Amino acid sequence: MFVEGEAGAPPRIVQRPYSVASPPAVAGSDGYEMYVRLVEGGLFTPLLWRLPLGHRMRMIGPKGKFTLEPDDDRTHLYISSGTGNAPFVAMMRQLLVDGAPRRTIFLNGVSYERDLGYRELIEGWERDGGYPVTFIPTVSRPTAPENEGWTGRTGRVESIVAPVLDELSLTPADTIAYICGNPDMIIAAEETLLARGFREEQVKKELYWPKGKEPGGPGGTE
């Protein structure tokens, strides 16, 4: 996405990549939904937050490189950190439109429980059977005051990949993995999967940014 400065301000172009959370089926009617987190001190999101409703933006894409394998009835293992869950929400929404949902294990790792985006939607699907998904969130800072009362899994999401594979009996014979998030998480999660016998073509990846080219500002995409 590009933002070309605020009204009355000198021209300024800021570009950032984001994943789409809405299904392709509604792009022509409803537009695109994106999951964006405000990063204090960043270059892009503070500017975005200050823009008035209706301010024009320019978007290139989507590029369509991180897509589902067609007609794949294997269990889908989604591994995400932070807002990296967005493309998986889009995939599931589209599969519901197509009438072809697939058994899914959905891992999402965040620092704080409050950052579990789309939690209500996914847990609702899990609870009422609207989608055959098992949602497994984890928080990496369990002792932080913000996580008081959290009783779920703890640790970075890559650290729970192996236990989840064992607990749910997920094997390379019946599972395909998709990973989206920061590059360190992706590298670690992929290493775990490859060590368990997954082939490289069974591990699909979408990086927030290339390794070694992190955007400025704390906490990731800004």
Protein backbone atom coordinates (compact mmCIF):
# COMPACT_ATOMS: atom_id res chain seq x y z
CA MET A 1 0.00 0.00 0.00
CA PHE A 2 1.07 3.58 -0.67
CA VAL A 3 0.06 6.63 1.34
CA GLU A 4 0.84 9.96 -0.29
CA GLY A 5 0.90 12.20 2.78
CA GLU A 6 -1.82 13.96 4.72
CA ALA A 7 -4.06 16.74 3.45
CA GLY A 8 -2.13 20.00 3.39
CA ALA A 9 1.18 18.27 4.05
CA PRO A 10 4.11 18.11 1.62
CA PRO A 11 3.92 15.13 -0.76
CA ARG A 12 5.26 11.99 0.86
CA ILE A 13 5.08 8.46 -0.43
CA VAL A 14 5.38 5.54 2.00
CA GLN A 15 5.08 1.97 0.75
CA ARG A 16 4.47 -1.15 2.83
CA PRO A 17 3.39 -4.75 2.01
CA TYR A 18 0.30 -6.22 3.67
CA SER A 19 -1.62 -9.45 3.32
CA VAL A 20 -5.29 -9.45 2.39
CA ALA A 21 -7.73 -10.97 4.90
CA SER A 22 -10.83 -10.88 2.70
CA PRO A 23 -11.61 -13.57 0.12
CA PRO A 24 -11.03 -12.89 -3.58
CA ALA A 25 -14.73 -13.51 -4.16
CA VAL A 26 -15.69 -10.13 -2.66
CA ALA A 27 -12.87 -7.98 -4.06
CA GLY A 28 -15.05 -6.61 -6.85
CA SER A 29 -17.95 -5.71 -4.57
CA ASP A 30 -16.63 -5.09 -1.05
CA GLY A 31 -13.02 -4.22 -1.77
CA TYR A 32 -10.10 -5.52 0.29
CA GLU A 33 -9.82 -6.07 4.03
CA MET A 34 -6.38 -5.86 5.61
CA TYR A 35 -5.23 -6.50 9.15
CA VAL A 36 -2.91 -3.65 10.15
CA ARG A 37 -1.38 -3.09 13.59
CA LEU A 38 -0.32 0.35 14.78
CA VAL A 39 3.43 0.42 15.43
CA GLU A 40 4.41 3.36 17.58
CA GLY A 41 7.42 5.11 16.09
CA GLY A 42 6.91 3.56 12.67
CA LEU A 43 6.86 5.46 9.40
CA PHE A 44 3.68 4.06 7.89
CA THR A 45 1.04 3.08 10.45
CA PRO A 46 1.10 6.31 12.53
CA LEU A 47 0.53 8.21 9.27
CA LEU A 48 -2.23 5.80 8.30
CA TRP A 49 -3.96 6.19 11.67
CA ARG A 50 -4.05 9.99 11.27
CA LEU A 51 -5.63 9.97 7.83
CA PRO A 52 -9.32 10.89 7.58
CA LEU A 53 -11.88 8.34 6.46
CA GLY A 54 -12.07 8.39 2.69
CA HIS A 55 -8.49 9.55 2.11
CA ARG A 56 -7.21 8.16 -1.17
CA MET A 57 -4.52 5.49 -1.20
CA ARG A 58 -2.84 3.55 -3.94
CA MET A 59 -2.50 -0.23 -3.83
CA ILE A 60 -0.47 -2.52 -6.07
CA GLY A 61 -1.47 -6.15 -6.18
CA PRO A 62 -2.38 -8.47 -4.71
CA LYS A 63 0.45 -10.41 -6.25
CA GLY A 64 -1.10 -13.81 -5.67
CA LYS A 65 2.10 -15.68 -4.85
CA PHE A 66 0.97 -17.14 -1.51
CA THR A 67 -1.95 -19.30 -2.56
CA LEU A 68 -3.51 -22.63 -1.69
CA GLU A 69 -2.71 -25.77 -3.59
CA PRO A 70 -5.81 -26.64 -5.63
CA ASP A 71 -7.98 -29.64 -4.74
CA ASP A 72 -5.76 -30.55 -1.79
CA ASP A 73 -7.56 -32.70 0.80
CA ARG A 74 -4.62 -32.95 3.19
CA THR A 75 -4.83 -31.38 6.63
CA HIS A 76 -3.78 -27.72 6.37
CA LEU A 77 -1.39 -26.53 9.05
CA TYR A 78 -1.35 -22.74 9.23
CA ILE A 79 1.49 -21.21 11.25
CA SER A 80 1.45 -17.45 11.81
CA SER A 81 2.90 -14.75 14.00
CA GLY A 82 1.09 -11.50 14.73
CA THR A 83 -0.86 -10.18 11.77
CA GLY A 84 0.48 -13.04 9.66
CA ASN A 85 -2.83 -14.79 10.27
CA ALA A 86 -4.56 -12.51 7.74
CA PRO A 87 -3.93 -14.55 4.56
CA PHE A 88 -5.16 -17.69 6.28
CA VAL A 89 -8.42 -15.98 7.20
CA ALA A 90 -8.76 -15.02 3.53
CA MET A 91 -8.08 -18.58 2.42
CA MET A 92 -10.67 -20.03 4.80
CA ARG A 93 -13.27 -17.46 3.84
CA GLN A 94 -12.77 -18.25 0.16
CA LEU A 95 -13.00 -21.98 0.74
CA LEU A 96 -16.31 -21.41 2.51
CA VAL A 97 -17.52 -19.47 -0.54
CA ASP A 98 -16.38 -22.36 -2.73
CA GLY A 99 -18.09 -24.88 -0.48
CA ALA A 100 -14.81 -26.74 -0.03
CA PRO A 101 -13.44 -26.14 3.49
CA ARG A 102 -10.44 -28.24 4.47
CA ARG A 103 -9.46 -29.62 7.85
CA THR A 104 -7.24 -26.93 9.35
CA ILE A 105 -4.93 -26.56 12.33
CA PHE A 106 -4.41 -22.84 12.90
CA LEU A 107 -1.45 -21.66 15.00
CA ASN A 108 -1.08 -17.97 15.85
CA GLY A 109 1.64 -16.56 18.08
CA VAL A 110 1.49 -13.08 19.63
CA SER A 111 3.15 -11.20 22.46
CA TYR A 112 -0.11 -10.33 24.19
CA GLU A 113 -3.51 -11.99 24.27
CA ARG A 114 -5.14 -8.78 23.05
CA ASP A 115 -3.22 -9.14 19.77
CA LEU A 116 -4.99 -12.35 18.74
CA GLY A 117 -6.70 -10.93 15.68
CA TYR A 118 -9.74 -12.71 14.22
CA ARG A 119 -9.90 -14.79 17.39
CA GLU A 120 -13.67 -14.44 17.76
CA LEU A 121 -14.26 -15.43 14.13
CA ILE A 122 -12.00 -18.48 14.21
CA GLU A 123 -13.13 -19.69 17.62
CA GLY A 124 -16.71 -19.25 16.45
CA TRP A 125 -16.06 -21.48 13.45
CA GLU A 126 -14.39 -24.03 15.70
CA ARG A 127 -17.19 -23.93 18.25
CA ASP A 128 -20.18 -24.20 15.91
CA GLY A 129 -18.57 -26.27 13.17
CA GLY A 130 -18.79 -23.47 10.63
CA TYR A 131 -15.29 -24.44 9.51
CA PRO A 132 -13.33 -27.61 10.39
CA VAL A 133 -10.60 -25.68 12.22
CA THR A 134 -8.66 -26.24 15.42
CA PHE A 135 -7.36 -22.91 16.70
CA ILE A 136 -4.15 -23.01 18.77
CA PRO A 137 -2.99 -19.57 19.93
CA THR A 138 0.10 -18.92 22.03
CA VAL A 139 1.53 -15.87 23.84
CA SER A 140 5.26 -15.29 24.11
CA ARG A 141 5.18 -13.05 27.21
CA PRO A 142 3.04 -14.97 29.68
CA THR A 143 4.31 -13.06 32.73
CA ALA A 144 3.42 -9.64 31.33
CA PRO A 145 0.58 -7.88 33.18
CA GLU A 146 -1.34 -7.68 29.89
CA ASN A 147 -1.55 -11.48 29.85
CA GLU A 148 -2.90 -11.88 33.37
CA GLY A 149 -5.47 -14.66 33.30
CA TRP A 150 -4.10 -16.30 30.15
CA THR A 151 -4.36 -20.07 30.50
CA GLY A 152 -3.43 -21.14 26.99
CA ARG A 153 -0.12 -22.11 25.46
CA THR A 154 2.96 -20.02 25.97
CA GLY A 155 6.10 -19.41 23.97
CA ARG A 156 6.80 -18.26 20.45
CA VAL A 157 4.69 -19.97 17.83
CA GLU A 158 7.65 -21.80 16.29
CA SER A 159 8.28 -23.48 19.66
CA ILE A 160 4.89 -25.20 19.65
CA VAL A 161 5.06 -26.61 16.12
CA ALA A 162 6.70 -29.90 17.15
CA PRO A 163 4.37 -30.50 20.13
CA VAL A 164 1.31 -29.83 17.99
CA LEU A 165 2.53 -32.24 15.31
CA ASP A 166 2.86 -34.92 17.98
CA GLU A 167 -0.38 -34.19 19.83
CA LEU A 168 -2.52 -34.17 16.69
CA SER A 169 -0.59 -36.91 14.86
CA LEU A 170 0.18 -34.66 11.90
CA THR A 171 2.60 -36.27 9.48
CA PRO A 172 4.12 -35.45 6.09
CA ALA A 173 1.87 -38.14 4.63
CA ASP A 174 -1.32 -36.25 5.40
CA THR A 175 -0.41 -32.60 6.07
CA ILE A 176 0.65 -29.50 4.15
CA ALA A 177 2.04 -26.45 5.97
CA TYR A 178 1.63 -22.75 5.23
CA ILE A 179 3.65 -20.18 7.19
CA CYS A 180 3.29 -16.40 7.35
CA GLY A 181 5.05 -13.92 9.63
CA ASN A 182 8.46 -12.55 10.46
CA PRO A 183 11.44 -14.26 8.78
CA ASP A 184 13.03 -15.64 11.95
CA MET A 185 9.82 -17.44 12.86
CA ILE A 186 9.42 -18.80 9.35
CA ILE A 187 12.98 -20.11 9.24
CA ALA A 188 12.61 -21.83 12.63
CA ALA A 189 9.20 -23.33 11.84
CA GLU A 190 10.38 -24.58 8.46
CA GLU A 191 13.44 -26.20 10.03
CA THR A 192 11.19 -28.08 12.42
CA LEU A 193 8.94 -29.29 9.62
CA LEU A 194 11.82 -30.36 7.37
CA ALA A 195 13.39 -32.23 10.27
CA ARG A 196 10.10 -34.09 10.67
CA GLY A 197 10.22 -35.27 7.06
CA PHE A 198 8.19 -32.59 5.31
CA ARG A 199 9.43 -31.90 1.80
CA GLU A 200 10.23 -28.34 0.78
CA GLU A 201 7.24 -28.25 -1.57
CA GLN A 202 5.01 -29.11 1.42
CA VAL A 203 6.02 -25.92 3.23
CA LYS A 204 4.57 -22.74 1.69
CA LYS A 205 5.95 -19.43 3.00
CA GLU A 206 5.02 -15.75 3.02
CA LEU A 207 7.57 -13.45 4.67
CA TYR A 208 6.63 -10.06 6.11
CA TRP A 209 9.93 -8.80 4.75
CA PRO A 210 13.18 -10.39 3.46
CA LYS A 211 15.59 -11.60 6.12
CA GLY A 212 18.04 -8.81 6.97
CA LYS A 213 15.80 -6.06 5.58
CA GLU A 214 13.49 -5.45 8.53
CA PRO A 215 11.56 -2.17 8.33
CA GLY A 216 12.26 0.48 10.92
CA GLY A 217 10.27 0.74 14.14
CA PRO A 218 9.80 -1.90 16.81
CA GLY A 219 7.65 -4.93 16.32
CA GLY A 220 7.66 -5.52 12.61
CA THR A 221 5.84 -4.06 9.62
CA GLU A 222 5.22 -0.40 10.34
